[in-house]
Amino acid sequence: MVYSIETIFTAMQESLAGSKFPAKVVIMNVDGKVYRVDGALNTVTLCSEGEKGDLNVKTTLKILLSLLDKTLTPQQAFMKGMLKIKGSMGLAMKLSLIVNATRKQLVQERNSKL
């Protein structure tokens, strides 16, 4: 799967309502583009780099795509230093919920275009 950062985070926004992701704020910095993922409001918005959340994640688009196509798990990425995390480790363990929901949304969107 090859998607742009914007496409991924749009799908993430659409998938939040149906996911079991906690009502917490995750700040995701992907190649310098910073997004605020708000589990309470079910929103994903661009934000400034200095913003803090319950969990702050820093990675690259390449790693995010690997997470989405299941060639890498969030735990593997963290252990290999490909995913930088600050904040709640309990929340970090739930990143797979939003990754899985986003993957399903992207697949649904791709299939609806066929």
C-alpha atoms as a PDB file:
ATOM      1  CA  MET A   1       0.000   0.000   0.000  1.00  0.00           C
ATOM      2  CA  VAL A   2       1.277   3.442  -0.899  1.00  0.00           C
ATOM      3  CA  TYR A   3      -0.684   6.381   0.484  1.00  0.00           C
ATOM      4  CA  SER A   4       0.073  10.019   1.171  1.00  0.00           C
ATOM      5  CA  ILE A   5       0.220  11.303   4.736  1.00  0.00           C
ATOM      6  CA  GLU A   6      -2.967  13.283   4.098  1.00  0.00           C
ATOM      7  CA  THR A   7      -4.844  10.212   2.824  1.00  0.00           C
ATOM      8  CA  ILE A   8      -3.760   8.159   5.836  1.00  0.00           C
ATOM      9  CA  PHE A   9      -4.838  10.758   8.389  1.00  0.00           C
ATOM     10  CA  THR A  10      -8.143  11.391   6.592  1.00  0.00           C
ATOM     11  CA  ALA A  11      -8.846   7.641   6.804  1.00  0.00           C
ATOM     12  CA  MET A  12      -7.760   7.705  10.457  1.00  0.00           C
ATOM     13  CA  GLN A  13     -10.305  10.452  11.171  1.00  0.00           C
ATOM     14  CA  GLU A  14     -13.071   8.440   9.479  1.00  0.00           C
ATOM     15  CA  SER A  15     -12.125   5.284  11.383  1.00  0.00           C
ATOM     16  CA  LEU A  16     -11.930   6.834  14.861  1.00  0.00           C
ATOM     17  CA  ALA A  17     -15.665   6.782  15.566  1.00  0.00           C
ATOM     18  CA  GLY A  18     -15.912   3.033  14.995  1.00  0.00           C
ATOM     19  CA  SER A  19     -12.710   2.121  16.825  1.00  0.00           C
ATOM     20  CA  LYS A  20     -12.227   1.322  20.495  1.00  0.00           C
ATOM     21  CA  PHE A  21      -9.431   3.866  20.784  1.00  0.00           C
ATOM     22  CA  PRO A  22      -9.450   5.547  24.228  1.00  0.00           C
ATOM     23  CA  ALA A  23     -10.639   9.099  24.775  1.00  0.00           C
ATOM     24  CA  LYS A  24      -7.077  10.421  24.834  1.00  0.00           C
ATOM     25  CA  VAL A  25      -4.966  12.773  22.709  1.00  0.00           C
ATOM     26  CA  VAL A  26      -2.122  11.414  20.598  1.00  0.00           C
ATOM     27  CA  ILE A  27       0.244  13.773  18.788  1.00  0.00           C
ATOM     28  CA  MET A  28       1.727  12.065  15.729  1.00  0.00           C
ATOM     29  CA  ASN A  29       4.725  13.605  13.966  1.00  0.00           C
ATOM     30  CA  VAL A  30       5.269  11.903  10.612  1.00  0.00           C
ATOM     31  CA  ASP A  31       8.148  13.334   8.586  1.00  0.00           C
ATOM     32  CA  GLY A  32       7.636  16.752  10.195  1.00  0.00           C
ATOM     33  CA  LYS A  33       3.859  16.927   9.651  1.00  0.00           C
ATOM     34  CA  VAL A  34       2.202  16.946  13.058  1.00  0.00           C
ATOM     35  CA  TYR A  35      -1.323  15.651  13.628  1.00  0.00           C
ATOM     36  CA  ARG A  36      -3.484  15.715  16.748  1.00  0.00           C
ATOM     37  CA  VAL A  37      -5.526  12.530  17.061  1.00  0.00           C
ATOM     38  CA  ASP A  38      -8.263  13.150  19.632  1.00  0.00           C
ATOM     39  CA  GLY A  39     -10.014   9.980  20.735  1.00  0.00           C
ATOM     40  CA  ALA A  40     -12.589  11.907  22.789  1.00  0.00           C
ATOM     41  CA  LEU A  41     -13.709  14.140  19.914  1.00  0.00           C
ATOM     42  CA  ASN A  42     -12.991  11.570  17.166  1.00  0.00           C
ATOM     43  CA  THR A  43     -10.995  14.161  15.244  1.00  0.00           C
ATOM     44  CA  VAL A  44      -7.649  14.311  13.479  1.00  0.00           C
ATOM     45  CA  THR A  45      -6.248  17.785  12.820  1.00  0.00           C
ATOM     46  CA  LEU A  46      -2.945  19.377  11.850  1.00  0.00           C
ATOM     47  CA  CYS A  47      -1.232  21.037  14.799  1.00  0.00           C
ATOM     48  CA  SER A  48       2.028  22.673  15.800  1.00  0.00           C
ATOM     49  CA  GLU A  49       5.124  20.639  16.560  1.00  0.00           C
ATOM     50  CA  GLY A  50       5.335  21.732  20.196  1.00  0.00           C
ATOM     51  CA  GLU A  51       1.879  20.496  21.162  1.00  0.00           C
ATOM     52  CA  LYS A  52       1.776  17.811  23.853  1.00  0.00           C
ATOM     53  CA  GLY A  53      -0.660  14.949  24.147  1.00  0.00           C
ATOM     54  CA  ASP A  54      -1.225  11.958  26.399  1.00  0.00           C
ATOM     55  CA  LEU A  55       1.117  10.254  23.948  1.00  0.00           C
ATOM     56  CA  ASN A  56       3.552  11.778  21.472  1.00  0.00           C
ATOM     57  CA  VAL A  57       4.716   9.616  18.562  1.00  0.00           C
ATOM     58  CA  LYS A  58       7.409  10.445  16.011  1.00  0.00           C
ATOM     59  CA  THR A  59       8.080   8.338  12.923  1.00  0.00           C
ATOM     60  CA  THR A  60       8.405   8.432   9.137  1.00  0.00           C
ATOM     61  CA  LEU A  61       5.881   7.833   6.376  1.00  0.00           C
ATOM     62  CA  LYS A  62       7.814   4.716   5.376  1.00  0.00           C
ATOM     63  CA  ILE A  63       7.399   3.214   8.867  1.00  0.00           C
ATOM     64  CA  LEU A  64       3.732   4.251   9.039  1.00  0.00           C
ATOM     65  CA  LEU A  65       3.114   2.500   5.710  1.00  0.00           C
ATOM     66  CA  SER A  66       4.876  -0.609   7.071  1.00  0.00           C
ATOM     67  CA  LEU A  67       2.556  -0.541  10.083  1.00  0.00           C
ATOM     68  CA  LEU A  68      -0.462  -0.231   7.803  1.00  0.00           C
ATOM     69  CA  ASP A  69       0.550  -3.116   5.532  1.00  0.00           C
ATOM     70  CA  LYS A  70       1.387  -5.339   8.535  1.00  0.00           C
ATOM     71  CA  THR A  71       5.062  -5.827   7.679  1.00  0.00           C
ATOM     72  CA  LEU A  72       5.817  -4.215  11.044  1.00  0.00           C
ATOM     73  CA  THR A  73       3.932  -4.012  14.350  1.00  0.00           C
ATOM     74  CA  PRO A  74       3.997  -0.916  16.573  1.00  0.00           C
ATOM     75  CA  GLN A  75       5.880  -2.942  19.188  1.00  0.00           C
ATOM     76  CA  GLN A  76       8.550  -4.015  16.686  1.00  0.00           C
ATOM     77  CA  ALA A  77       8.923  -0.453  15.402  1.00  0.00           C
ATOM     78  CA  PHE A  78       9.355   0.841  18.950  1.00  0.00           C
ATOM     79  CA  MET A  79      11.897  -1.821  19.903  1.00  0.00           C
ATOM     80  CA  LYS A  80      13.931  -1.091  16.750  1.00  0.00           C
ATOM     81  CA  GLY A  81      13.881   2.671  17.408  1.00  0.00           C
ATOM     82  CA  MET A  82      11.734   3.387  14.353  1.00  0.00           C
ATOM     83  CA  LEU A  83       8.878   4.736  16.462  1.00  0.00           C
ATOM     84  CA  LYS A  84       9.768   7.341  19.098  1.00  0.00           C
ATOM     85  CA  ILE A  85       7.261   7.496  21.941  1.00  0.00           C
ATOM     86  CA  LYS A  86       6.852   9.890  24.872  1.00  0.00           C
ATOM     87  CA  GLY A  87       4.016   9.656  27.335  1.00  0.00           C
ATOM     88  CA  SER A  88       1.642   6.920  28.411  1.00  0.00           C
ATOM     89  CA  MET A  89       3.062   3.485  27.597  1.00  0.00           C
ATOM     90  CA  GLY A  90      -0.362   1.986  28.255  1.00  0.00           C
ATOM     91  CA  LEU A  91      -1.769   4.179  25.503  1.00  0.00           C
ATOM     92  CA  ALA A  92       1.181   3.313  23.269  1.00  0.00           C
ATOM     93  CA  MET A  93       0.192  -0.354  23.542  1.00  0.00           C
ATOM     94  CA  LYS A  94      -3.194   0.603  22.061  1.00  0.00           C
ATOM     95  CA  LEU A  95      -1.737   2.220  18.933  1.00  0.00           C
ATOM     96  CA  SER A  96      -2.494  -0.974  17.045  1.00  0.00           C
ATOM     97  CA  LEU A  97      -6.232  -0.239  17.523  1.00  0.00           C
ATOM     98  CA  ILE A  98      -6.033   2.959  15.496  1.00  0.00           C
ATOM     99  CA  VAL A  99      -3.592   1.460  12.973  1.00  0.00           C
ATOM    100  CA  ASN A 100      -5.944  -1.489  12.376  1.00  0.00           C
ATOM    101  CA  ALA A 101      -9.017   0.757  12.100  1.00  0.00           C
ATOM    102  CA  THR A 102      -7.182   3.038   9.650  1.00  0.00           C
ATOM    103  CA  ARG A 103      -6.080   0.053   7.555  1.00  0.00           C
ATOM    104  CA  LYS A 104      -9.687  -1.195   7.333  1.00  0.00           C
ATOM    105  CA  GLN A 105     -10.880   2.270   6.304  1.00  0.00           C
ATOM    106  CA  LEU A 106      -8.212   2.552   3.588  1.00  0.00           C
ATOM    107  CA  VAL A 107      -9.130  -0.894   2.225  1.00  0.00           C
ATOM    108  CA  GLN A 108     -12.847   0.007   2.210  1.00  0.00           C
ATOM    109  CA  GLU A 109     -12.121   3.234   0.340  1.00  0.00           C
ATOM    110  CA  ARG A 110      -9.923   1.425  -2.193  1.00  0.00           C
ATOM    111  CA  ASN A 111     -12.554  -1.278  -2.754  1.00  0.00           C
ATOM    112  CA  SER A 112     -15.359   1.266  -3.189  1.00  0.00           C
ATOM    113  CA  LYS A 113     -13.384   2.851  -6.052  1.00  0.00           C
ATOM    114  CA  LEU A 114     -13.139  -0.456  -7.935  1.00  0.00           C
END
